[in-house]
Amino acid sequence: MVDSLFLTPPSLANPYRTYTGRCAMRASLCLAILGSLLALATVATADQIGALLTGYEESPSVSTTGTGVFTATIDVDGDTIVYTETYSGLQGTVTQSHIHVGQLGVNGSVVIFLCQTAANPDPTGLAPQCPQAGTVSGTITAANVIAGSTTTQQLQAGDLSAVITAIRAGAAYANVHTTPSPGGEIRGQIRTIAK
């Protein structure tokens, strides 16, 4: 009997042995792949976004010495955007600052107030007051999103997800409005700068 085991190929001597070994190996491989995917999923990071604001990004362009920087972090879940906007050298009184949905060189709807003034209040009442120069910071949630004024853009109040999608697509910009440039004195297309 012992001799017959050595002469018989292993798959014939115990047909379940090879099959069980293959199943165990496949199961181990599947578990390793699933474990790797779970590990990658937990490494998800927030998007870092930003824009450099100049008069030459406005449409039409504005000749100004004013400049600005917009930086923000979109949280991993897409529920909040924490931002800072700094500007200086503007040619007149700051009236408001926003995020608009619009591609480079095209004016689009205001969807989020970054700061407000008494003359141009944020309809949600949530934006901080605009400094005349310096830095303004805040946290954006769905409650900050107003309906876009251009109906064909189909931007609804409270739809932060649509705004984040536009930002990630490079179709949103930040700008600062002033009395001599009511359409905006400085503007910058928002881009993802790190993940």
N, C-alpha and C. Protein backbone atom coordinates (compact mmCIF):
# COMPACT_ATOMS: atom_id res chain seq x y z
N MET A 1 0.82 -1.19 0.00
CA MET A 1 0.00 0.00 0.00
C MET A 1 0.87 1.25 0.00
N VAL A 2 1.94 1.24 0.76
CA VAL A 2 2.83 2.39 0.79
C VAL A 2 3.45 2.60 -0.58
N ASP A 3 3.82 1.51 -1.24
CA ASP A 3 4.41 1.63 -2.58
C ASP A 3 3.41 2.22 -3.56
N SER A 4 2.15 1.86 -3.44
CA SER A 4 1.16 2.39 -4.38
C SER A 4 0.95 3.89 -4.20
N LEU A 5 1.14 4.40 -3.01
CA LEU A 5 1.02 5.85 -2.81
C LEU A 5 2.13 6.60 -3.52
N PHE A 6 3.33 5.99 -3.51
CA PHE A 6 4.45 6.68 -4.17
C PHE A 6 4.34 6.60 -5.68
N LEU A 7 3.68 5.55 -6.17
CA LEU A 7 3.55 5.40 -7.61
C LEU A 7 2.36 6.18 -8.16
N THR A 8 1.40 6.44 -7.34
CA THR A 8 0.19 7.13 -7.77
C THR A 8 0.43 8.65 -7.69
N PRO A 9 0.11 9.36 -8.76
CA PRO A 9 0.25 10.82 -8.70
C PRO A 9 -0.57 11.38 -7.53
N PRO A 10 -0.08 12.45 -6.88
CA PRO A 10 -0.76 13.00 -5.70
C PRO A 10 -2.21 13.38 -5.97
N SER A 11 -2.51 13.84 -7.16
CA SER A 11 -3.88 14.25 -7.44
C SER A 11 -4.84 13.07 -7.47
N LEU A 12 -4.31 11.87 -7.79
CA LEU A 12 -5.16 10.69 -7.82
C LEU A 12 -5.23 10.04 -6.45
N ALA A 13 -4.13 10.11 -5.70
CA ALA A 13 -4.11 9.50 -4.38
C ALA A 13 -5.08 10.22 -3.45
N ASN A 14 -5.14 11.53 -3.52
CA ASN A 14 -6.05 12.31 -2.69
C ASN A 14 -6.57 13.47 -3.54
N PRO A 15 -7.66 13.27 -4.26
CA PRO A 15 -8.14 14.30 -5.18
C PRO A 15 -8.52 15.60 -4.49
N TYR A 16 -8.82 15.59 -3.20
CA TYR A 16 -9.22 16.80 -2.47
C TYR A 16 -8.03 17.60 -1.99
N ARG A 17 -6.89 16.94 -1.90
CA ARG A 17 -5.70 17.58 -1.37
C ARG A 17 -5.27 18.77 -2.25
N THR A 18 -5.16 18.59 -3.54
CA THR A 18 -4.75 19.66 -4.44
C THR A 18 -5.82 20.73 -4.52
N TYR A 19 -7.08 20.32 -4.60
CA TYR A 19 -8.19 21.26 -4.68
C TYR A 19 -8.24 22.12 -3.43
N THR A 20 -8.10 21.49 -2.27
CA THR A 20 -8.12 22.23 -1.01
C THR A 20 -6.95 23.19 -0.94
N GLY A 21 -5.79 22.77 -1.39
CA GLY A 21 -4.62 23.63 -1.40
C GLY A 21 -4.82 24.84 -2.28
N ARG A 22 -5.43 24.64 -3.46
CA ARG A 22 -5.69 25.76 -4.36
C ARG A 22 -6.69 26.72 -3.75
N CYS A 23 -7.75 26.18 -3.13
CA CYS A 23 -8.76 27.04 -2.51
C CYS A 23 -8.15 27.85 -1.38
N ALA A 24 -7.32 27.22 -0.59
CA ALA A 24 -6.69 27.93 0.52
C ALA A 24 -5.78 29.03 -0.01
N MET A 25 -5.04 28.73 -1.08
CA MET A 25 -4.15 29.74 -1.65
C MET A 25 -4.97 30.89 -2.24
N ARG A 26 -6.05 30.58 -2.94
CA ARG A 26 -6.90 31.63 -3.51
C ARG A 26 -7.53 32.47 -2.41
N ALA A 27 -7.99 31.82 -1.35
CA ALA A 27 -8.59 32.55 -0.24
C ALA A 27 -7.56 33.46 0.42
N SER A 28 -6.34 32.97 0.59
CA SER A 28 -5.27 33.80 1.18
C SER A 28 -4.97 34.99 0.28
N LEU A 29 -4.93 34.76 -1.03
CA LEU A 29 -4.66 35.84 -1.97
C LEU A 29 -5.78 36.88 -1.93
N CYS A 30 -7.03 36.41 -1.91
CA CYS A 30 -8.17 37.33 -1.83
C CYS A 30 -8.13 38.16 -0.55
N LEU A 31 -7.81 37.52 0.56
CA LEU A 31 -7.72 38.25 1.83
C LEU A 31 -6.60 39.28 1.79
N ALA A 32 -5.48 38.93 1.17
CA ALA A 32 -4.37 39.87 1.07
C ALA A 32 -4.77 41.08 0.22
N ILE A 33 -5.47 40.82 -0.89
CA ILE A 33 -5.90 41.92 -1.76
C ILE A 33 -6.92 42.80 -1.03
N LEU A 34 -7.89 42.19 -0.38
CA LEU A 34 -8.89 42.97 0.37
C LEU A 34 -8.23 43.78 1.47
N GLY A 35 -7.28 43.19 2.16
CA GLY A 35 -6.57 43.91 3.22
C GLY A 35 -5.83 45.12 2.67
N SER A 36 -5.20 44.95 1.50
CA SER A 36 -4.50 46.07 0.86
C SER A 36 -5.46 47.17 0.47
N LEU A 37 -6.62 46.78 -0.09
CA LEU A 37 -7.61 47.78 -0.48
C LEU A 37 -8.14 48.54 0.73
N LEU A 38 -8.39 47.83 1.82
CA LEU A 38 -8.86 48.49 3.04
C LEU A 38 -7.80 49.44 3.58
N ALA A 39 -6.55 49.02 3.51
CA ALA A 39 -5.47 49.89 3.99
C ALA A 39 -5.39 51.14 3.14
N LEU A 40 -5.53 51.01 1.82
CA LEU A 40 -5.50 52.18 0.94
C LEU A 40 -6.68 53.09 1.20
N ALA A 41 -7.84 52.52 1.47
CA ALA A 41 -9.03 53.33 1.71
C ALA A 41 -8.87 54.21 2.95
N THR A 42 -8.19 53.71 3.95
CA THR A 42 -8.02 54.49 5.17
C THR A 42 -6.94 55.56 5.02
N VAL A 43 -6.16 55.51 3.94
CA VAL A 43 -5.12 56.49 3.71
C VAL A 43 -5.65 57.69 2.94
N ALA A 44 -6.93 57.72 2.62
CA ALA A 44 -7.51 58.83 1.87
C ALA A 44 -7.20 60.14 2.59
N THR A 45 -6.83 61.14 1.80
CA THR A 45 -6.46 62.42 2.39
C THR A 45 -7.34 63.54 1.84
N ALA A 46 -7.30 64.64 2.52
CA ALA A 46 -8.06 65.81 2.11
C ALA A 46 -7.40 66.46 0.90
N ASP A 47 -8.20 67.14 0.07
CA ASP A 47 -7.67 67.89 -1.07
C ASP A 47 -7.23 69.27 -0.60
N GLN A 48 -6.03 69.66 -1.01
CA GLN A 48 -5.54 71.02 -0.78
C GLN A 48 -5.77 71.78 -2.08
N ILE A 49 -6.47 72.90 -2.01
CA ILE A 49 -6.76 73.69 -3.21
C ILE A 49 -6.26 75.10 -3.03
N GLY A 50 -6.06 75.81 -4.12
CA GLY A 50 -5.58 77.18 -4.00
C GLY A 50 -5.66 77.95 -5.30
N ALA A 51 -5.45 79.26 -5.19
CA ALA A 51 -5.46 80.15 -6.35
C ALA A 51 -4.64 81.40 -6.04
N LEU A 52 -3.95 81.89 -7.05
CA LEU A 52 -3.29 83.18 -6.97
C LEU A 52 -4.21 84.17 -7.66
N LEU A 53 -4.56 85.26 -6.99
CA LEU A 53 -5.52 86.23 -7.51
C LEU A 53 -4.79 87.45 -8.07
N THR A 54 -5.09 87.78 -9.33
CA THR A 54 -4.53 88.98 -9.98
C THR A 54 -5.63 89.62 -10.82
N GLY A 55 -5.39 90.85 -11.24
CA GLY A 55 -6.34 91.54 -12.11
C GLY A 55 -6.40 90.93 -13.50
N TYR A 56 -5.32 90.30 -13.93
CA TYR A 56 -5.27 89.74 -15.28
C TYR A 56 -6.09 88.47 -15.44
N GLU A 57 -6.54 87.89 -14.33
CA GLU A 57 -7.42 86.72 -14.40
C GLU A 57 -8.89 87.15 -14.52
N GLU A 58 -9.19 88.42 -14.23
CA GLU A 58 -10.57 88.90 -14.35
C GLU A 58 -10.98 88.90 -15.82
N SER A 59 -12.28 88.86 -16.05
CA SER A 59 -12.81 88.90 -17.41
C SER A 59 -13.84 90.01 -17.52
N PRO A 60 -13.50 91.16 -18.14
CA PRO A 60 -12.23 91.48 -18.78
C PRO A 60 -11.14 91.77 -17.74
N SER A 61 -9.89 91.72 -18.20
CA SER A 61 -8.74 91.94 -17.31
C SER A 61 -8.80 93.32 -16.67
N VAL A 62 -8.24 93.41 -15.46
CA VAL A 62 -8.18 94.66 -14.72
C VAL A 62 -6.72 94.99 -14.45
N SER A 63 -6.32 96.23 -14.76
CA SER A 63 -4.97 96.67 -14.48
C SER A 63 -4.94 97.18 -13.04
N THR A 64 -4.35 96.40 -12.16
CA THR A 64 -4.32 96.73 -10.74
C THR A 64 -3.03 96.23 -10.11
N THR A 65 -2.65 96.87 -9.02
CA THR A 65 -1.50 96.39 -8.26
C THR A 65 -1.95 95.37 -7.21
N GLY A 66 -3.25 95.17 -7.11
CA GLY A 66 -3.79 94.24 -6.12
C GLY A 66 -3.42 92.79 -6.44
N THR A 67 -3.18 92.04 -5.37
CA THR A 67 -2.89 90.61 -5.49
C THR A 67 -3.54 89.89 -4.31
N GLY A 68 -3.68 88.60 -4.46
CA GLY A 68 -4.25 87.81 -3.37
C GLY A 68 -3.91 86.34 -3.51
N VAL A 69 -4.15 85.62 -2.44
CA VAL A 69 -3.94 84.18 -2.40
C VAL A 69 -5.14 83.56 -1.69
N PHE A 70 -5.68 82.53 -2.31
CA PHE A 70 -6.76 81.74 -1.71
C PHE A 70 -6.21 80.33 -1.51
N THR A 71 -6.31 79.82 -0.28
CA THR A 71 -5.93 78.44 0.00
C THR A 71 -7.03 77.79 0.82
N ALA A 72 -7.21 76.50 0.63
CA ALA A 72 -8.28 75.81 1.35
C ALA A 72 -8.01 74.31 1.39
N THR A 73 -8.72 73.66 2.28
CA THR A 73 -8.68 72.20 2.40
C THR A 73 -10.10 71.68 2.34
N ILE A 74 -10.33 70.76 1.39
CA ILE A 74 -11.62 70.06 1.30
C ILE A 74 -11.46 68.81 2.14
N ASP A 75 -12.29 68.63 3.17
CA ASP A 75 -12.13 67.46 4.02
C ASP A 75 -12.40 66.18 3.23
N VAL A 76 -11.92 65.07 3.77
CA VAL A 76 -12.00 63.76 3.10
C VAL A 76 -13.43 63.41 2.71
N ASP A 77 -14.40 63.72 3.57
CA ASP A 77 -15.80 63.39 3.30
C ASP A 77 -16.48 64.38 2.36
N GLY A 78 -15.84 65.52 2.08
CA GLY A 78 -16.46 66.53 1.22
C GLY A 78 -17.55 67.32 1.91
N ASP A 79 -17.54 67.32 3.25
CA ASP A 79 -18.57 68.02 4.01
C ASP A 79 -18.20 69.46 4.35
N THR A 80 -16.91 69.77 4.35
CA THR A 80 -16.47 71.12 4.71
C THR A 80 -15.26 71.53 3.87
N ILE A 81 -15.14 72.83 3.72
CA ILE A 81 -13.94 73.44 3.12
C ILE A 81 -13.47 74.49 4.12
N VAL A 82 -12.26 74.36 4.60
CA VAL A 82 -11.68 75.34 5.51
C VAL A 82 -10.74 76.20 4.67
N TYR A 83 -10.97 77.52 4.67
CA TYR A 83 -10.23 78.38 3.75
C TYR A 83 -9.60 79.58 4.44
N THR A 84 -8.62 80.15 3.72
CA THR A 84 -7.99 81.42 4.08
C THR A 84 -7.78 82.19 2.78
N GLU A 85 -8.15 83.45 2.82
CA GLU A 85 -7.92 84.32 1.66
C GLU A 85 -7.20 85.56 2.16
N THR A 86 -6.10 85.90 1.49
CA THR A 86 -5.30 87.07 1.84
C THR A 86 -5.17 87.94 0.60
N TYR A 87 -5.37 89.25 0.77
CA TYR A 87 -5.24 90.15 -0.36
C TYR A 87 -4.70 91.49 0.11
N SER A 88 -4.10 92.24 -0.85
CA SER A 88 -3.55 93.57 -0.54
C SER A 88 -3.38 94.35 -1.84
N GLY A 89 -3.13 95.67 -1.70
CA GLY A 89 -2.84 96.52 -2.84
C GLY A 89 -4.03 96.83 -3.73
N LEU A 90 -5.24 96.62 -3.23
CA LEU A 90 -6.44 96.86 -4.05
C LEU A 90 -6.65 98.36 -4.26
N GLN A 91 -7.29 98.71 -5.37
CA GLN A 91 -7.44 100.11 -5.78
C GLN A 91 -8.63 100.83 -5.17
N GLY A 92 -9.45 100.10 -4.41
CA GLY A 92 -10.63 100.74 -3.81
C GLY A 92 -11.13 99.93 -2.63
N THR A 93 -12.28 100.31 -2.14
CA THR A 93 -12.91 99.65 -0.99
C THR A 93 -13.39 98.26 -1.38
N VAL A 94 -13.04 97.28 -0.56
CA VAL A 94 -13.50 95.91 -0.79
C VAL A 94 -14.99 95.83 -0.48
N THR A 95 -15.76 95.27 -1.41
CA THR A 95 -17.20 95.16 -1.21
C THR A 95 -17.65 93.73 -0.92
N GLN A 96 -16.92 92.73 -1.42
CA GLN A 96 -17.28 91.33 -1.20
C GLN A 96 -16.24 90.43 -1.84
N SER A 97 -16.26 89.15 -1.47
CA SER A 97 -15.42 88.14 -2.11
C SER A 97 -16.21 86.84 -2.17
N HIS A 98 -16.01 86.11 -3.27
CA HIS A 98 -16.82 84.91 -3.52
C HIS A 98 -16.01 83.78 -4.14
N ILE A 99 -16.65 82.61 -4.18
CA ILE A 99 -16.29 81.55 -5.11
C ILE A 99 -17.39 81.54 -6.17
N HIS A 100 -16.97 81.54 -7.42
CA HIS A 100 -17.88 81.47 -8.56
C HIS A 100 -17.64 80.15 -9.28
N VAL A 101 -18.65 79.63 -9.95
CA VAL A 101 -18.46 78.48 -10.83
C VAL A 101 -18.36 79.02 -12.25
N GLY A 102 -17.20 78.84 -12.85
CA GLY A 102 -16.94 79.30 -14.22
C GLY A 102 -15.52 78.93 -14.60
N GLN A 103 -15.34 78.52 -15.83
CA GLN A 103 -14.01 78.14 -16.29
C GLN A 103 -13.17 79.39 -16.53
N LEU A 104 -11.90 79.19 -16.77
CA LEU A 104 -10.95 80.27 -16.98
C LEU A 104 -11.44 81.22 -18.07
N GLY A 105 -11.44 82.52 -17.78
CA GLY A 105 -11.83 83.53 -18.75
C GLY A 105 -13.32 83.72 -18.94
N VAL A 106 -14.12 82.99 -18.16
CA VAL A 106 -15.58 83.09 -18.28
C VAL A 106 -16.16 83.47 -16.92
N ASN A 107 -17.08 84.44 -16.91
CA ASN A 107 -17.73 84.81 -15.67
C ASN A 107 -18.83 83.80 -15.35
N GLY A 108 -18.91 83.40 -14.08
CA GLY A 108 -19.92 82.42 -13.68
C GLY A 108 -20.66 82.87 -12.44
N SER A 109 -21.58 82.05 -12.03
CA SER A 109 -22.44 82.35 -10.87
C SER A 109 -21.68 82.35 -9.56
N VAL A 110 -22.05 83.29 -8.68
CA VAL A 110 -21.57 83.27 -7.30
C VAL A 110 -22.25 82.10 -6.62
N VAL A 111 -21.48 81.26 -5.92
CA VAL A 111 -22.08 80.15 -5.19
C VAL A 111 -21.74 80.16 -3.70
N ILE A 112 -20.62 80.82 -3.35
CA ILE A 112 -20.22 80.89 -1.93
C ILE A 112 -19.60 82.26 -1.66
N PHE A 113 -20.06 82.92 -0.61
CA PHE A 113 -19.43 84.16 -0.15
C PHE A 113 -18.24 83.78 0.74
N LEU A 114 -17.06 84.32 0.41
CA LEU A 114 -15.89 84.14 1.27
C LEU A 114 -15.85 85.21 2.35
N CYS A 115 -16.37 86.41 2.01
CA CYS A 115 -16.55 87.46 3.01
C CYS A 115 -17.60 88.43 2.50
N GLN A 116 -18.16 89.17 3.43
CA GLN A 116 -19.27 90.08 3.12
C GLN A 116 -19.02 91.44 3.75
N THR A 117 -19.80 92.43 3.28
CA THR A 117 -19.79 93.76 3.89
C THR A 117 -21.25 94.16 4.11
N ALA A 118 -21.45 95.25 4.84
CA ALA A 118 -22.81 95.73 5.09
C ALA A 118 -23.50 96.09 3.76
N ALA A 119 -22.73 96.60 2.81
CA ALA A 119 -23.30 96.98 1.50
C ALA A 119 -23.63 95.77 0.64
N ASN A 120 -22.92 94.66 0.84
CA ASN A 120 -23.12 93.44 0.06
C ASN A 120 -23.13 92.23 0.98
N PRO A 121 -24.24 92.03 1.70
CA PRO A 121 -24.29 90.94 2.68
C PRO A 121 -24.45 89.56 2.02
N ASP A 122 -23.89 88.58 2.68
CA ASP A 122 -24.05 87.17 2.28
C ASP A 122 -25.50 86.78 2.55
N PRO A 123 -26.23 86.26 1.56
CA PRO A 123 -27.63 85.87 1.79
C PRO A 123 -27.79 84.83 2.91
N THR A 124 -26.75 84.02 3.14
CA THR A 124 -26.83 83.03 4.22
C THR A 124 -26.49 83.65 5.57
N GLY A 125 -25.83 84.80 5.56
CA GLY A 125 -25.40 85.45 6.80
C GLY A 125 -24.24 84.75 7.48
N LEU A 126 -23.61 83.78 6.83
CA LEU A 126 -22.57 82.97 7.47
C LEU A 126 -21.15 83.43 7.20
N ALA A 127 -20.92 84.19 6.14
CA ALA A 127 -19.56 84.61 5.79
C ALA A 127 -19.03 85.66 6.78
N PRO A 128 -17.74 85.63 7.05
CA PRO A 128 -17.15 86.67 7.91
C PRO A 128 -17.11 88.02 7.18
N GLN A 129 -16.83 89.08 7.92
CA GLN A 129 -16.72 90.42 7.34
C GLN A 129 -15.41 90.53 6.56
N CYS A 130 -15.46 91.27 5.46
CA CYS A 130 -14.27 91.48 4.62
C CYS A 130 -13.35 92.52 5.24
N PRO A 131 -12.07 92.23 5.36
CA PRO A 131 -11.12 93.28 5.72
C PRO A 131 -10.81 94.10 4.47
N GLN A 132 -10.34 95.32 4.63
CA GLN A 132 -9.96 96.12 3.46
C GLN A 132 -8.63 95.65 2.87
N ALA A 133 -7.83 95.01 3.67
CA ALA A 133 -6.59 94.34 3.25
C ALA A 133 -6.27 93.36 4.37
N GLY A 134 -5.60 92.29 4.04
CA GLY A 134 -5.26 91.31 5.07
C GLY A 134 -5.85 89.95 4.78
N THR A 135 -6.25 89.28 5.85
CA THR A 135 -6.66 87.88 5.74
C THR A 135 -8.05 87.66 6.30
N VAL A 136 -8.80 86.83 5.62
CA VAL A 136 -10.10 86.38 6.09
C VAL A 136 -10.09 84.85 6.02
N SER A 137 -10.66 84.22 7.05
CA SER A 137 -10.70 82.76 7.11
C SER A 137 -12.09 82.30 7.50
N GLY A 138 -12.41 81.08 7.13
CA GLY A 138 -13.71 80.54 7.50
C GLY A 138 -13.85 79.08 7.15
N THR A 139 -15.00 78.55 7.47
CA THR A 139 -15.35 77.16 7.17
C THR A 139 -16.63 77.16 6.35
N ILE A 140 -16.58 76.47 5.22
CA ILE A 140 -17.73 76.38 4.32
C ILE A 140 -18.39 75.02 4.49
N THR A 141 -19.70 75.04 4.62
CA THR A 141 -20.50 73.80 4.62
C THR A 141 -21.60 73.97 3.58
N ALA A 142 -22.45 72.99 3.46
CA ALA A 142 -23.57 73.08 2.51
C ALA A 142 -24.45 74.29 2.81
N ALA A 143 -24.52 74.71 4.06
CA ALA A 143 -25.34 75.87 4.43
C ALA A 143 -24.84 77.17 3.81
N ASN A 144 -23.56 77.23 3.41
CA ASN A 144 -22.98 78.42 2.80
C ASN A 144 -23.27 78.54 1.32
N VAL A 145 -23.71 77.47 0.68
CA VAL A 145 -23.88 77.46 -0.77
C VAL A 145 -25.21 78.10 -1.16
N ILE A 146 -25.12 79.12 -2.03
CA ILE A 146 -26.34 79.78 -2.53
C ILE A 146 -26.60 79.30 -3.97
N ALA A 147 -27.83 79.43 -4.42
CA ALA A 147 -28.19 79.02 -5.78
C ALA A 147 -27.48 79.94 -6.78
N GLY A 148 -26.97 79.34 -7.83
CA GLY A 148 -26.32 80.13 -8.88
C GLY A 148 -27.32 81.01 -9.60
N SER A 149 -26.90 82.22 -9.95
CA SER A 149 -27.81 83.17 -10.61
C SER A 149 -28.01 82.85 -12.09
N THR A 150 -27.11 82.08 -12.67
CA THR A 150 -27.26 81.67 -14.06
C THR A 150 -27.97 80.32 -14.06
N THR A 151 -29.26 80.33 -14.38
CA THR A 151 -30.08 79.11 -14.23
C THR A 151 -29.56 77.95 -15.08
N THR A 152 -28.94 78.24 -16.22
CA THR A 152 -28.46 77.15 -17.07
C THR A 152 -27.29 76.39 -16.43
N GLN A 153 -26.66 76.97 -15.40
CA GLN A 153 -25.60 76.25 -14.69
C GLN A 153 -26.17 75.21 -13.73
N GLN A 154 -27.45 75.30 -13.41
CA GLN A 154 -28.15 74.31 -12.58
C GLN A 154 -27.47 74.10 -11.22
N LEU A 155 -27.10 75.20 -10.58
CA LEU A 155 -26.45 75.15 -9.27
C LEU A 155 -27.48 75.46 -8.19
N GLN A 156 -27.72 74.50 -7.34
CA GLN A 156 -28.76 74.62 -6.31
C GLN A 156 -28.17 75.07 -4.97
N ALA A 157 -28.96 75.79 -4.21
CA ALA A 157 -28.56 76.17 -2.85
C ALA A 157 -28.33 74.91 -2.03
N GLY A 158 -27.26 74.92 -1.24
CA GLY A 158 -26.97 73.79 -0.36
C GLY A 158 -26.21 72.66 -1.01
N ASP A 159 -25.93 72.74 -2.31
CA ASP A 159 -25.27 71.64 -3.02
C ASP A 159 -23.75 71.81 -3.03
N LEU A 160 -23.14 71.57 -1.88
CA LEU A 160 -21.68 71.70 -1.75
C LEU A 160 -20.98 70.69 -2.65
N SER A 161 -21.55 69.54 -2.83
CA SER A 161 -20.96 68.51 -3.68
C SER A 161 -20.76 69.01 -5.11
N ALA A 162 -21.74 69.73 -5.66
CA ALA A 162 -21.63 70.27 -7.02
C ALA A 162 -20.51 71.31 -7.10
N VAL A 163 -20.36 72.12 -6.06
CA VAL A 163 -19.29 73.13 -6.04
C VAL A 163 -17.94 72.44 -5.97
N ILE A 164 -17.80 71.42 -5.13
CA ILE A 164 -16.54 70.69 -5.02
C ILE A 164 -16.20 70.00 -6.34
N THR A 165 -17.20 69.46 -7.00
CA THR A 165 -16.97 68.84 -8.31
C THR A 165 -16.44 69.87 -9.30
N ALA A 166 -17.03 71.07 -9.31
CA ALA A 166 -16.56 72.14 -10.20
C ALA A 166 -15.13 72.56 -9.85
N ILE A 167 -14.83 72.67 -8.56
CA ILE A 167 -13.47 73.03 -8.12
C ILE A 167 -12.48 71.99 -8.62
N ARG A 168 -12.78 70.71 -8.40
CA ARG A 168 -11.87 69.63 -8.82
C ARG A 168 -11.71 69.59 -10.33
N ALA A 169 -12.70 70.06 -11.08
CA ALA A 169 -12.63 70.09 -12.54
C ALA A 169 -11.92 71.35 -13.05
N GLY A 170 -11.52 72.24 -12.15
CA GLY A 170 -10.87 73.49 -12.56
C GLY A 170 -11.85 74.52 -13.07
N ALA A 171 -13.13 74.36 -12.73
CA ALA A 171 -14.18 75.26 -13.24
C ALA A 171 -14.76 76.13 -12.13
N ALA A 172 -13.91 76.62 -11.24
CA ALA A 172 -14.36 77.54 -10.19
C ALA A 172 -13.22 78.53 -9.92
N TYR A 173 -13.61 79.71 -9.48
CA TYR A 173 -12.60 80.73 -9.19
C TYR A 173 -13.00 81.54 -7.97
N ALA A 174 -11.98 82.13 -7.34
CA ALA A 174 -12.20 83.05 -6.22
C ALA A 174 -11.91 84.45 -6.74
N ASN A 175 -12.70 85.43 -6.28
CA ASN A 175 -12.37 86.81 -6.63
C ASN A 175 -12.79 87.77 -5.54
N VAL A 176 -12.18 88.94 -5.61
CA VAL A 176 -12.44 90.01 -4.64
C VAL A 176 -12.96 91.21 -5.44
N HIS A 177 -14.13 91.72 -5.02
CA HIS A 177 -14.78 92.86 -5.68
C HIS A 177 -14.46 94.14 -4.91
N THR A 178 -14.31 95.24 -5.64
CA THR A 178 -14.05 96.55 -5.03
C THR A 178 -14.95 97.59 -5.68
N THR A 179 -15.01 98.79 -5.09
CA THR A 179 -15.85 99.84 -5.65
C THR A 179 -15.45 100.24 -7.07
N PRO A 180 -14.15 100.38 -7.41
CA PRO A 180 -13.84 100.73 -8.80
C PRO A 180 -14.02 99.56 -9.77
N SER A 181 -14.01 98.34 -9.25
CA SER A 181 -14.17 97.14 -10.09
C SER A 181 -15.28 96.26 -9.49
N PRO A 182 -16.55 96.65 -9.69
CA PRO A 182 -17.65 95.91 -9.06
C PRO A 182 -17.79 94.47 -9.57
N GLY A 183 -17.28 94.20 -10.77
CA GLY A 183 -17.30 92.83 -11.28
C GLY A 183 -16.18 91.98 -10.73
N GLY A 184 -15.26 92.60 -10.04
CA GLY A 184 -14.11 91.91 -9.46
C GLY A 184 -12.82 92.59 -9.86
N GLU A 185 -11.95 92.84 -8.87
CA GLU A 185 -10.65 93.47 -9.16
C GLU A 185 -9.55 92.43 -9.31
N ILE A 186 -9.60 91.39 -8.49
CA ILE A 186 -8.62 90.31 -8.61
C ILE A 186 -9.34 88.97 -8.59
N ARG A 187 -8.78 88.02 -9.32
CA ARG A 187 -9.43 86.72 -9.48
C ARG A 187 -8.36 85.65 -9.70
N GLY A 188 -8.67 84.44 -9.28
CA GLY A 188 -7.77 83.32 -9.53
C GLY A 188 -8.55 82.02 -9.66
N GLN A 189 -8.20 81.25 -10.69
CA GLN A 189 -8.83 79.95 -10.92
C GLN A 189 -8.37 79.00 -9.83
N ILE A 190 -9.30 78.33 -9.19
CA ILE A 190 -8.97 77.42 -8.08
C ILE A 190 -8.52 76.08 -8.66
N ARG A 191 -7.41 75.59 -8.17
CA ARG A 191 -6.83 74.33 -8.63
C ARG A 191 -6.52 73.42 -7.44
N THR A 192 -6.52 72.13 -7.68
CA THR A 192 -6.05 71.19 -6.66
C THR A 192 -4.53 71.27 -6.67
N ILE A 193 -3.95 71.51 -5.50
CA ILE A 193 -2.50 71.63 -5.43
C ILE A 193 -1.86 70.44 -4.72
N ALA A 194 -2.64 69.68 -3.95
CA ALA A 194 -2.12 68.48 -3.29
C ALA A 194 -3.28 67.63 -2.83
N LYS A 195 -3.04 66.34 -2.70
CA LYS A 195 -4.04 65.41 -2.18
C LYS A 195 -3.48 64.70 -1.00
